[in-house]
Amino acid sequence: MRIDVPSILEGYAQGYFLMSNESGKDLAWYTSRERTLIPLDERFRYPKSLRRMLNQDRFTVAINRAFEAVVEGCADRESTWISDDLKEIYWTLHQAGWAHSFETWQGDQLAGGILGLSLRGAFIGESMFFRIPDGSKVAMVKLVEHLRSRNFVLFDAQMMNPHLERFGAYVINNRDYRDLLRQALERDCSII
């Protein structure tokens, strides 16, 4: 796939996302009948144990401090849809100011992070990982707080899993998702 930033942004703005197939060789656009959202309102929740840990300030947070390391962390698993081509696309989008990493650190060690695209009032989460227990959970809480402070409308997590469900993630149909995405794209927000 040729890396054409405007075309890629247009695809995401229309509700599609890029993925590699299981072989990692073919990159294509996908959509889904349902999308998973992380709430940016009072529906967002997390366990009391995590709240206690957040009060201990064991982690610090950064944006784009180690973008490539976050992409590699997200791809470093037995089965991944993040191919080398997709890594290159993320890097190109990052250099153009569209793709970002939201990271947690313990001292000088990268504890976890979330990779995503910021399109006006929408943050489209692509993947997350952790190297230190709770690193990705703290990143999730701090990212939600950050998106709220920046007046974002939408935090798209794409697909539901038990981990996201614990944070109040919910599923909407594709038509409602596209309506919400349109509203988000009308809002002038920036993640940094």
N, C-alpha and C. Protein backbone atom coordinates (compact mmCIF):
# COMPACT_ATOMS: atom_id res chain seq x y z
N MET A 1 0.85 -1.18 0.00
CA MET A 1 0.00 0.00 0.00
C MET A 1 0.89 1.24 0.00
N ARG A 2 0.61 2.15 -0.90
CA ARG A 2 1.34 3.40 -0.96
C ARG A 2 0.94 4.28 0.22
N ILE A 3 1.92 4.93 0.85
CA ILE A 3 1.60 5.78 1.98
C ILE A 3 1.22 7.16 1.46
N ASP A 4 -0.05 7.42 1.50
CA ASP A 4 -0.61 8.68 1.05
C ASP A 4 -1.39 9.24 2.24
N VAL A 5 -0.77 10.15 2.98
CA VAL A 5 -1.35 10.63 4.23
C VAL A 5 -2.77 11.15 4.05
N PRO A 6 -3.05 12.03 3.06
CA PRO A 6 -4.44 12.50 2.93
C PRO A 6 -5.46 11.37 2.71
N SER A 7 -5.11 10.37 1.92
CA SER A 7 -6.04 9.26 1.68
C SER A 7 -6.24 8.43 2.94
N ILE A 8 -5.19 8.22 3.70
CA ILE A 8 -5.30 7.46 4.94
C ILE A 8 -6.19 8.21 5.93
N LEU A 9 -5.96 9.52 6.06
CA LEU A 9 -6.79 10.31 6.98
C LEU A 9 -8.24 10.31 6.53
N GLU A 10 -8.48 10.37 5.25
CA GLU A 10 -9.85 10.34 4.73
C GLU A 10 -10.53 9.01 5.05
N GLY A 11 -9.78 7.91 4.94
CA GLY A 11 -10.33 6.60 5.29
C GLY A 11 -10.77 6.55 6.74
N TYR A 12 -9.90 7.00 7.64
CA TYR A 12 -10.25 7.03 9.07
C TYR A 12 -11.42 7.97 9.33
N ALA A 13 -11.44 9.12 8.65
CA ALA A 13 -12.52 10.09 8.83
C ALA A 13 -13.87 9.55 8.35
N GLN A 14 -13.84 8.52 7.50
CA GLN A 14 -15.08 7.92 7.03
C GLN A 14 -15.46 6.67 7.84
N GLY A 15 -14.67 6.37 8.88
CA GLY A 15 -15.03 5.27 9.77
C GLY A 15 -14.33 3.96 9.47
N TYR A 16 -13.31 3.96 8.63
CA TYR A 16 -12.56 2.75 8.33
C TYR A 16 -11.28 2.72 9.15
N PHE A 17 -10.64 1.56 9.22
CA PHE A 17 -9.34 1.45 9.87
C PHE A 17 -8.49 0.45 9.09
N LEU A 18 -7.18 0.62 9.19
CA LEU A 18 -6.23 -0.24 8.49
C LEU A 18 -5.83 -1.42 9.36
N MET A 19 -5.71 -2.59 8.73
CA MET A 19 -5.21 -3.78 9.42
C MET A 19 -4.51 -4.67 8.41
N SER A 20 -3.53 -5.41 8.91
CA SER A 20 -2.91 -6.45 8.11
C SER A 20 -3.64 -7.75 8.36
N ASN A 21 -3.63 -8.64 7.38
CA ASN A 21 -4.22 -9.95 7.62
C ASN A 21 -3.28 -10.78 8.49
N GLU A 22 -3.67 -11.99 8.81
CA GLU A 22 -2.88 -12.81 9.73
C GLU A 22 -1.48 -13.11 9.21
N SER A 23 -1.31 -13.15 7.91
CA SER A 23 0.02 -13.40 7.36
C SER A 23 0.91 -12.18 7.49
N GLY A 24 0.30 -11.01 7.72
CA GLY A 24 1.06 -9.78 7.83
C GLY A 24 1.48 -9.20 6.51
N LYS A 25 1.04 -9.81 5.41
CA LYS A 25 1.49 -9.37 4.10
C LYS A 25 0.51 -8.42 3.43
N ASP A 26 -0.77 -8.59 3.65
CA ASP A 26 -1.77 -7.78 2.97
C ASP A 26 -2.39 -6.78 3.92
N LEU A 27 -2.29 -5.51 3.56
CA LEU A 27 -2.87 -4.42 4.34
C LEU A 27 -4.13 -3.96 3.64
N ALA A 28 -5.20 -3.80 4.41
CA ALA A 28 -6.48 -3.41 3.79
C ALA A 28 -7.28 -2.57 4.75
N TRP A 29 -8.30 -1.91 4.18
CA TRP A 29 -9.25 -1.13 4.97
C TRP A 29 -10.34 -2.05 5.49
N TYR A 30 -10.73 -1.82 6.74
CA TYR A 30 -11.80 -2.60 7.36
C TYR A 30 -12.80 -1.66 8.01
N THR A 31 -14.00 -2.15 8.17
CA THR A 31 -15.00 -1.49 8.98
C THR A 31 -15.72 -2.59 9.74
N SER A 32 -16.59 -2.20 10.63
CA SER A 32 -17.27 -3.18 11.45
C SER A 32 -18.71 -2.74 11.65
N ARG A 33 -19.61 -3.70 11.85
CA ARG A 33 -21.00 -3.35 12.12
C ARG A 33 -21.15 -2.68 13.47
N GLU A 34 -20.17 -2.93 14.36
CA GLU A 34 -20.19 -2.33 15.69
C GLU A 34 -18.81 -1.76 16.01
N ARG A 35 -18.79 -0.69 16.79
CA ARG A 35 -17.53 -0.11 17.23
C ARG A 35 -17.55 0.02 18.75
N THR A 36 -16.40 -0.14 19.35
CA THR A 36 -16.25 -0.01 20.78
C THR A 36 -15.71 1.37 21.11
N LEU A 37 -16.37 2.04 22.03
CA LEU A 37 -15.95 3.37 22.47
C LEU A 37 -15.58 3.35 23.94
N ILE A 38 -14.58 4.14 24.28
CA ILE A 38 -14.24 4.40 25.67
C ILE A 38 -14.97 5.68 26.04
N PRO A 39 -15.80 5.66 27.07
CA PRO A 39 -16.55 6.86 27.41
C PRO A 39 -15.64 7.98 27.92
N LEU A 40 -15.97 9.19 27.52
CA LEU A 40 -15.24 10.36 28.00
C LEU A 40 -16.09 11.14 29.01
N ASP A 41 -17.11 10.49 29.52
CA ASP A 41 -17.99 11.12 30.51
C ASP A 41 -17.99 10.27 31.78
N GLU A 42 -19.02 10.44 32.60
CA GLU A 42 -19.09 9.75 33.89
C GLU A 42 -19.20 8.23 33.76
N ARG A 43 -19.47 7.70 32.57
CA ARG A 43 -19.54 6.24 32.40
C ARG A 43 -18.17 5.59 32.46
N PHE A 44 -17.10 6.38 32.27
CA PHE A 44 -15.75 5.84 32.38
C PHE A 44 -15.50 5.45 33.83
N ARG A 45 -15.01 4.24 34.04
CA ARG A 45 -14.77 3.76 35.40
C ARG A 45 -13.52 2.88 35.41
N TYR A 46 -13.00 2.69 36.61
CA TYR A 46 -11.87 1.79 36.77
C TYR A 46 -11.83 1.29 38.21
N PRO A 47 -11.16 0.16 38.44
CA PRO A 47 -11.18 -0.47 39.76
C PRO A 47 -10.60 0.42 40.86
N LYS A 48 -11.10 0.23 42.08
CA LYS A 48 -10.60 0.99 43.23
C LYS A 48 -9.11 0.75 43.44
N SER A 49 -8.67 -0.47 43.18
CA SER A 49 -7.24 -0.77 43.36
C SER A 49 -6.38 0.09 42.43
N LEU A 50 -6.87 0.35 41.24
CA LEU A 50 -6.14 1.20 40.31
C LEU A 50 -6.18 2.65 40.80
N ARG A 51 -7.29 3.07 41.35
CA ARG A 51 -7.40 4.43 41.90
C ARG A 51 -6.36 4.64 43.02
N ARG A 52 -6.23 3.64 43.89
CA ARG A 52 -5.23 3.74 44.96
C ARG A 52 -3.82 3.84 44.37
N MET A 53 -3.55 3.04 43.36
CA MET A 53 -2.22 3.08 42.76
C MET A 53 -1.95 4.42 42.09
N LEU A 54 -2.98 5.00 41.42
CA LEU A 54 -2.81 6.31 40.79
C LEU A 54 -2.46 7.36 41.82
N ASN A 55 -3.00 7.24 43.03
CA ASN A 55 -2.70 8.19 44.10
C ASN A 55 -1.26 8.07 44.60
N GLN A 56 -0.60 6.97 44.30
CA GLN A 56 0.78 6.76 44.73
C GLN A 56 1.80 7.38 43.77
N ASP A 57 1.35 7.85 42.61
CA ASP A 57 2.24 8.48 41.61
C ASP A 57 3.43 7.60 41.25
N ARG A 58 3.17 6.31 41.03
CA ARG A 58 4.25 5.39 40.65
C ARG A 58 4.66 5.55 39.20
N PHE A 59 3.79 6.16 38.39
CA PHE A 59 4.07 6.33 36.97
C PHE A 59 4.03 7.81 36.59
N THR A 60 4.82 8.15 35.59
CA THR A 60 4.70 9.46 34.96
C THR A 60 4.14 9.23 33.55
N VAL A 61 3.61 10.29 32.98
CA VAL A 61 2.95 10.19 31.68
C VAL A 61 3.66 11.11 30.69
N ALA A 62 3.73 10.65 29.45
CA ALA A 62 4.32 11.46 28.37
C ALA A 62 3.55 11.21 27.08
N ILE A 63 3.63 12.16 26.19
CA ILE A 63 3.06 12.02 24.85
C ILE A 63 4.20 12.08 23.84
N ASN A 64 4.29 11.05 23.01
CA ASN A 64 5.26 10.99 21.91
C ASN A 64 6.73 10.99 22.34
N ARG A 65 7.00 10.64 23.58
CA ARG A 65 8.40 10.58 24.02
C ARG A 65 9.13 9.40 23.36
N ALA A 66 8.41 8.31 23.16
CA ALA A 66 9.02 7.10 22.59
C ALA A 66 8.03 6.45 21.61
N PHE A 67 7.63 7.20 20.60
CA PHE A 67 6.60 6.73 19.68
C PHE A 67 6.96 5.37 19.06
N GLU A 68 8.16 5.26 18.53
CA GLU A 68 8.55 3.99 17.88
C GLU A 68 8.55 2.83 18.86
N ALA A 69 8.98 3.06 20.09
CA ALA A 69 8.98 1.99 21.10
C ALA A 69 7.56 1.55 21.43
N VAL A 70 6.61 2.48 21.44
CA VAL A 70 5.22 2.12 21.70
C VAL A 70 4.67 1.29 20.54
N VAL A 71 4.97 1.68 19.31
CA VAL A 71 4.52 0.89 18.15
C VAL A 71 5.10 -0.52 18.24
N GLU A 72 6.38 -0.62 18.55
CA GLU A 72 7.02 -1.94 18.67
C GLU A 72 6.40 -2.74 19.82
N GLY A 73 6.12 -2.08 20.94
CA GLY A 73 5.49 -2.76 22.08
C GLY A 73 4.12 -3.29 21.72
N CYS A 74 3.36 -2.49 20.96
CA CYS A 74 2.02 -2.93 20.55
C CYS A 74 2.09 -4.11 19.58
N ALA A 75 3.14 -4.16 18.76
CA ALA A 75 3.27 -5.23 17.77
C ALA A 75 3.94 -6.48 18.33
N ASP A 76 4.56 -6.37 19.49
CA ASP A 76 5.35 -7.47 20.06
C ASP A 76 4.46 -8.45 20.81
N ARG A 77 3.78 -9.29 20.04
CA ARG A 77 2.95 -10.35 20.61
C ARG A 77 2.89 -11.49 19.61
N GLU A 78 2.45 -12.64 20.07
CA GLU A 78 2.45 -13.82 19.19
C GLU A 78 1.66 -13.60 17.92
N SER A 79 0.49 -13.03 18.04
CA SER A 79 -0.34 -12.77 16.88
C SER A 79 -0.63 -11.27 16.84
N THR A 80 -0.23 -10.62 15.76
CA THR A 80 -0.43 -9.18 15.65
C THR A 80 -0.90 -8.80 14.26
N TRP A 81 -1.68 -7.75 14.20
CA TRP A 81 -2.13 -7.23 12.92
C TRP A 81 -1.29 -6.03 12.52
N ILE A 82 -0.29 -5.68 13.35
CA ILE A 82 0.57 -4.53 13.06
C ILE A 82 1.79 -5.04 12.28
N SER A 83 1.69 -4.96 10.98
CA SER A 83 2.76 -5.43 10.08
C SER A 83 3.83 -4.35 9.95
N ASP A 84 4.92 -4.70 9.29
CA ASP A 84 5.98 -3.71 9.02
C ASP A 84 5.44 -2.55 8.19
N ASP A 85 4.57 -2.85 7.22
CA ASP A 85 3.96 -1.78 6.41
C ASP A 85 3.14 -0.84 7.29
N LEU A 86 2.40 -1.40 8.21
CA LEU A 86 1.57 -0.58 9.09
C LEU A 86 2.44 0.24 10.04
N LYS A 87 3.54 -0.33 10.51
CA LYS A 87 4.49 0.44 11.33
C LYS A 87 5.00 1.66 10.56
N GLU A 88 5.32 1.44 9.30
CA GLU A 88 5.80 2.54 8.46
C GLU A 88 4.71 3.61 8.28
N ILE A 89 3.48 3.17 8.10
CA ILE A 89 2.37 4.12 7.97
C ILE A 89 2.20 4.92 9.26
N TYR A 90 2.24 4.24 10.41
CA TYR A 90 2.12 4.95 11.68
C TYR A 90 3.25 5.98 11.83
N TRP A 91 4.47 5.59 11.46
CA TRP A 91 5.60 6.51 11.58
C TRP A 91 5.40 7.73 10.68
N THR A 92 4.94 7.51 9.46
CA THR A 92 4.68 8.62 8.54
C THR A 92 3.58 9.53 9.09
N LEU A 93 2.51 8.93 9.62
CA LEU A 93 1.43 9.72 10.22
C LEU A 93 1.92 10.47 11.46
N HIS A 94 2.80 9.86 12.21
CA HIS A 94 3.37 10.52 13.39
C HIS A 94 4.20 11.74 12.97
N GLN A 95 5.04 11.57 11.97
CA GLN A 95 5.86 12.68 11.50
C GLN A 95 5.00 13.81 10.95
N ALA A 96 3.84 13.48 10.43
CA ALA A 96 2.92 14.50 9.90
C ALA A 96 2.03 15.09 10.99
N GLY A 97 2.14 14.57 12.24
CA GLY A 97 1.40 15.13 13.36
C GLY A 97 0.05 14.50 13.63
N TRP A 98 -0.22 13.32 13.06
CA TRP A 98 -1.54 12.69 13.22
C TRP A 98 -1.52 11.49 14.16
N ALA A 99 -0.45 10.72 14.19
CA ALA A 99 -0.36 9.53 15.05
C ALA A 99 0.44 9.88 16.29
N HIS A 100 -0.02 9.36 17.43
CA HIS A 100 0.60 9.71 18.71
C HIS A 100 0.71 8.49 19.61
N SER A 101 1.65 8.59 20.53
CA SER A 101 1.76 7.59 21.59
C SER A 101 1.52 8.28 22.92
N PHE A 102 0.70 7.66 23.74
CA PHE A 102 0.43 8.14 25.09
C PHE A 102 1.06 7.11 26.01
N GLU A 103 2.06 7.53 26.78
CA GLU A 103 2.94 6.58 27.44
C GLU A 103 2.93 6.73 28.96
N THR A 104 3.20 5.61 29.64
CA THR A 104 3.48 5.64 31.07
C THR A 104 4.92 5.19 31.27
N TRP A 105 5.56 5.81 32.23
CA TRP A 105 6.97 5.56 32.53
C TRP A 105 7.13 5.31 34.02
N GLN A 106 8.07 4.43 34.34
CA GLN A 106 8.52 4.26 35.72
C GLN A 106 10.01 4.57 35.68
N GLY A 107 10.35 5.76 36.14
CA GLY A 107 11.73 6.22 35.99
C GLY A 107 12.03 6.36 34.51
N ASP A 108 13.11 5.70 34.07
CA ASP A 108 13.50 5.75 32.65
C ASP A 108 12.96 4.56 31.86
N GLN A 109 12.13 3.74 32.49
CA GLN A 109 11.62 2.54 31.82
C GLN A 109 10.20 2.76 31.31
N LEU A 110 10.00 2.47 30.03
CA LEU A 110 8.67 2.55 29.43
C LEU A 110 7.79 1.45 30.03
N ALA A 111 6.74 1.86 30.73
CA ALA A 111 5.88 0.90 31.43
C ALA A 111 4.75 0.40 30.56
N GLY A 112 4.25 1.24 29.67
CA GLY A 112 3.14 0.87 28.80
C GLY A 112 2.76 2.05 27.93
N GLY A 113 1.82 1.79 27.04
CA GLY A 113 1.41 2.89 26.17
C GLY A 113 0.23 2.54 25.29
N ILE A 114 -0.31 3.60 24.70
CA ILE A 114 -1.43 3.50 23.78
C ILE A 114 -1.03 4.22 22.50
N LEU A 115 -1.28 3.57 21.39
CA LEU A 115 -1.01 4.11 20.06
C LEU A 115 -2.32 4.51 19.43
N GLY A 116 -2.37 5.70 18.82
CA GLY A 116 -3.62 6.10 18.17
C GLY A 116 -3.44 7.30 17.25
N LEU A 117 -4.53 7.61 16.57
CA LEU A 117 -4.58 8.76 15.67
C LEU A 117 -5.50 9.81 16.27
N SER A 118 -5.08 11.04 16.16
CA SER A 118 -5.87 12.16 16.64
C SER A 118 -6.39 12.92 15.43
N LEU A 119 -7.71 12.86 15.23
CA LEU A 119 -8.35 13.56 14.12
C LEU A 119 -9.35 14.55 14.70
N ARG A 120 -8.94 15.79 14.84
CA ARG A 120 -9.78 16.84 15.41
C ARG A 120 -10.32 16.40 16.77
N GLY A 121 -11.62 16.17 16.95
CA GLY A 121 -12.19 15.78 18.24
C GLY A 121 -12.30 14.28 18.43
N ALA A 122 -11.63 13.50 17.61
CA ALA A 122 -11.66 12.03 17.72
C ALA A 122 -10.27 11.49 17.98
N PHE A 123 -10.16 10.59 18.95
CA PHE A 123 -8.94 9.83 19.15
C PHE A 123 -9.26 8.39 18.80
N ILE A 124 -8.55 7.86 17.81
CA ILE A 124 -8.81 6.50 17.35
C ILE A 124 -7.67 5.62 17.86
N GLY A 125 -7.98 4.86 18.90
CA GLY A 125 -6.98 4.00 19.50
C GLY A 125 -6.72 2.79 18.61
N GLU A 126 -5.47 2.58 18.32
CA GLU A 126 -5.08 1.46 17.46
C GLU A 126 -4.66 0.24 18.28
N SER A 127 -3.91 0.46 19.36
CA SER A 127 -3.43 -0.67 20.15
C SER A 127 -2.85 -0.14 21.46
N MET A 128 -2.64 -1.07 22.39
CA MET A 128 -1.99 -0.72 23.65
C MET A 128 -1.17 -1.90 24.14
N PHE A 129 -0.24 -1.63 25.05
CA PHE A 129 0.62 -2.70 25.58
C PHE A 129 1.13 -2.28 26.95
N PHE A 130 1.72 -3.22 27.67
CA PHE A 130 2.42 -2.89 28.91
C PHE A 130 3.64 -3.77 29.05
N ARG A 131 4.64 -3.23 29.73
CA ARG A 131 5.83 -3.99 30.10
C ARG A 131 5.92 -4.13 31.61
N ILE A 132 5.31 -3.19 32.32
CA ILE A 132 5.25 -3.21 33.78
C ILE A 132 3.77 -3.33 34.14
N PRO A 133 3.41 -4.24 35.05
CA PRO A 133 1.99 -4.38 35.41
C PRO A 133 1.33 -3.03 35.70
N ASP A 134 0.13 -2.88 35.18
CA ASP A 134 -0.70 -1.69 35.30
C ASP A 134 -0.25 -0.53 34.42
N GLY A 135 0.82 -0.69 33.67
CA GLY A 135 1.29 0.40 32.79
C GLY A 135 0.26 0.83 31.77
N SER A 136 -0.43 -0.12 31.15
CA SER A 136 -1.44 0.24 30.14
C SER A 136 -2.72 0.76 30.80
N LYS A 137 -3.03 0.25 31.99
CA LYS A 137 -4.24 0.72 32.69
C LYS A 137 -4.09 2.18 33.10
N VAL A 138 -2.92 2.51 33.63
CA VAL A 138 -2.66 3.90 34.00
C VAL A 138 -2.68 4.78 32.75
N ALA A 139 -2.12 4.28 31.66
CA ALA A 139 -2.14 5.05 30.41
C ALA A 139 -3.58 5.32 29.97
N MET A 140 -4.45 4.33 30.11
CA MET A 140 -5.86 4.49 29.73
C MET A 140 -6.52 5.59 30.56
N VAL A 141 -6.36 5.53 31.88
CA VAL A 141 -6.98 6.53 32.76
C VAL A 141 -6.46 7.92 32.44
N LYS A 142 -5.16 8.05 32.31
CA LYS A 142 -4.56 9.36 32.07
C LYS A 142 -4.90 9.89 30.67
N LEU A 143 -5.02 8.99 29.70
CA LEU A 143 -5.42 9.43 28.36
C LEU A 143 -6.85 9.94 28.36
N VAL A 144 -7.75 9.24 29.05
CA VAL A 144 -9.14 9.71 29.14
C VAL A 144 -9.18 11.09 29.79
N GLU A 145 -8.45 11.27 30.89
CA GLU A 145 -8.41 12.58 31.55
C GLU A 145 -7.87 13.65 30.59
N HIS A 146 -6.86 13.30 29.83
CA HIS A 146 -6.26 14.25 28.89
C HIS A 146 -7.24 14.61 27.77
N LEU A 147 -7.90 13.60 27.21
CA LEU A 147 -8.86 13.86 26.13
C LEU A 147 -10.02 14.72 26.63
N ARG A 148 -10.47 14.47 27.85
CA ARG A 148 -11.52 15.31 28.45
C ARG A 148 -11.05 16.76 28.54
N SER A 149 -9.84 16.95 29.03
CA SER A 149 -9.33 18.32 29.22
C SER A 149 -9.16 19.06 27.89
N ARG A 150 -9.03 18.29 26.80
CA ARG A 150 -8.87 18.87 25.47
C ARG A 150 -10.18 18.93 24.70
N ASN A 151 -11.30 18.58 25.35
CA ASN A 151 -12.66 18.64 24.77
C ASN A 151 -12.89 17.67 23.61
N PHE A 152 -12.23 16.52 23.65
CA PHE A 152 -12.48 15.49 22.63
C PHE A 152 -13.89 14.93 22.80
N VAL A 153 -14.47 14.49 21.70
CA VAL A 153 -15.83 13.94 21.68
C VAL A 153 -15.81 12.42 21.67
N LEU A 154 -14.78 11.84 21.08
CA LEU A 154 -14.80 10.41 20.75
C LEU A 154 -13.45 9.77 21.07
N PHE A 155 -13.50 8.62 21.76
CA PHE A 155 -12.34 7.77 21.96
C PHE A 155 -12.75 6.40 21.43
N ASP A 156 -12.31 6.11 20.22
CA ASP A 156 -12.65 4.88 19.51
C ASP A 156 -11.63 3.80 19.84
N ALA A 157 -12.08 2.71 20.44
CA ALA A 157 -11.19 1.58 20.74
C ALA A 157 -11.35 0.46 19.72
N GLN A 158 -12.19 0.64 18.74
CA GLN A 158 -12.45 -0.27 17.63
C GLN A 158 -13.14 -1.56 18.03
N MET A 159 -12.48 -2.43 18.84
CA MET A 159 -13.06 -3.74 19.15
C MET A 159 -13.08 -3.99 20.65
N MET A 160 -14.15 -4.58 21.13
CA MET A 160 -14.33 -4.85 22.56
C MET A 160 -13.46 -6.01 23.01
N ASN A 161 -12.97 -5.90 24.24
CA ASN A 161 -12.32 -7.02 24.91
C ASN A 161 -12.58 -6.86 26.41
N PRO A 162 -12.36 -7.90 27.20
CA PRO A 162 -12.68 -7.84 28.64
C PRO A 162 -11.93 -6.71 29.37
N HIS A 163 -10.71 -6.44 28.94
CA HIS A 163 -9.93 -5.37 29.56
C HIS A 163 -10.63 -4.02 29.39
N LEU A 164 -11.08 -3.72 28.19
CA LEU A 164 -11.75 -2.44 27.94
C LEU A 164 -13.10 -2.36 28.63
N GLU A 165 -13.77 -3.50 28.71
CA GLU A 165 -15.09 -3.54 29.34
C GLU A 165 -15.01 -3.10 30.81
N ARG A 166 -13.91 -3.40 31.46
CA ARG A 166 -13.72 -3.01 32.86
C ARG A 166 -13.69 -1.50 33.04
N PHE A 167 -13.38 -0.77 31.95
CA PHE A 167 -13.31 0.68 32.01
C PHE A 167 -14.61 1.36 31.56
N GLY A 168 -15.63 0.55 31.34
CA GLY A 168 -16.90 1.12 30.92
C GLY A 168 -17.06 1.21 29.42
N ALA A 169 -16.16 0.59 28.67
CA ALA A 169 -16.28 0.61 27.20
C ALA A 169 -17.63 0.05 26.79
N TYR A 170 -18.16 0.57 25.73
CA TYR A 170 -19.47 0.13 25.25
C TYR A 170 -19.45 0.06 23.73
N VAL A 171 -20.42 -0.64 23.17
CA VAL A 171 -20.49 -0.89 21.74
C VAL A 171 -21.65 -0.10 21.15
N ILE A 172 -21.41 0.51 19.99
CA ILE A 172 -22.49 1.16 19.25
C ILE A 172 -22.49 0.64 17.83
N ASN A 173 -23.61 0.78 17.13
CA ASN A 173 -23.66 0.31 15.75
C ASN A 173 -22.91 1.28 14.84
N ASN A 174 -22.59 0.82 13.66
CA ASN A 174 -21.75 1.58 12.73
C ASN A 174 -22.39 2.90 12.33
N ARG A 175 -23.70 2.92 12.14
CA ARG A 175 -24.37 4.17 11.75
C ARG A 175 -24.23 5.22 12.84
N ASP A 176 -24.49 4.84 14.10
CA ASP A 176 -24.34 5.78 15.21
C ASP A 176 -22.88 6.21 15.38
N TYR A 177 -21.98 5.27 15.15
CA TYR A 177 -20.55 5.59 15.23
C TYR A 177 -20.20 6.68 14.21
N ARG A 178 -20.64 6.50 12.98
CA ARG A 178 -20.32 7.50 11.94
C ARG A 178 -20.92 8.86 12.25
N ASP A 179 -22.11 8.89 12.85
CA ASP A 179 -22.71 10.16 13.26
C ASP A 179 -21.85 10.84 14.33
N LEU A 180 -21.41 10.06 15.31
CA LEU A 180 -20.57 10.61 16.37
C LEU A 180 -19.21 11.05 15.83
N LEU A 181 -18.68 10.28 14.90
CA LEU A 181 -17.41 10.63 14.27
C LEU A 181 -17.54 11.96 13.53
N ARG A 182 -18.63 12.15 12.80
CA ARG A 182 -18.86 13.44 12.11
C ARG A 182 -18.86 14.60 13.10
N GLN A 183 -19.55 14.42 14.23
CA GLN A 183 -19.57 15.46 15.26
C GLN A 183 -18.16 15.74 15.78
N ALA A 184 -17.40 14.68 16.00
CA ALA A 184 -16.02 14.83 16.50
C ALA A 184 -15.16 15.58 15.50
N LEU A 185 -15.34 15.31 14.23
CA LEU A 185 -14.51 15.95 13.20
C LEU A 185 -14.86 17.42 13.01
N GLU A 186 -16.00 17.84 13.52
CA GLU A 186 -16.38 19.25 13.47
C GLU A 186 -15.75 20.06 14.60
N ARG A 187 -15.20 19.37 15.58
CA ARG A 187 -14.61 20.03 16.75
C ARG A 187 -13.11 20.21 16.53
N ASP A 188 -12.59 21.38 16.87
CA ASP A 188 -11.18 21.67 16.69
C ASP A 188 -10.40 21.36 17.97
N CYS A 189 -9.88 20.14 18.05
CA CYS A 189 -9.13 19.70 19.24
C CYS A 189 -7.73 19.28 18.81
N SER A 190 -6.84 19.28 19.76
CA SER A 190 -5.47 18.80 19.52
C SER A 190 -5.02 18.03 20.74
N ILE A 191 -4.34 16.93 20.52
CA ILE A 191 -3.89 16.11 21.65
C ILE A 191 -2.65 16.73 22.33
N ILE A 192 -1.92 17.55 21.58
CA ILE A 192 -0.75 18.22 22.20
C ILE A 192 -0.84 19.72 22.04
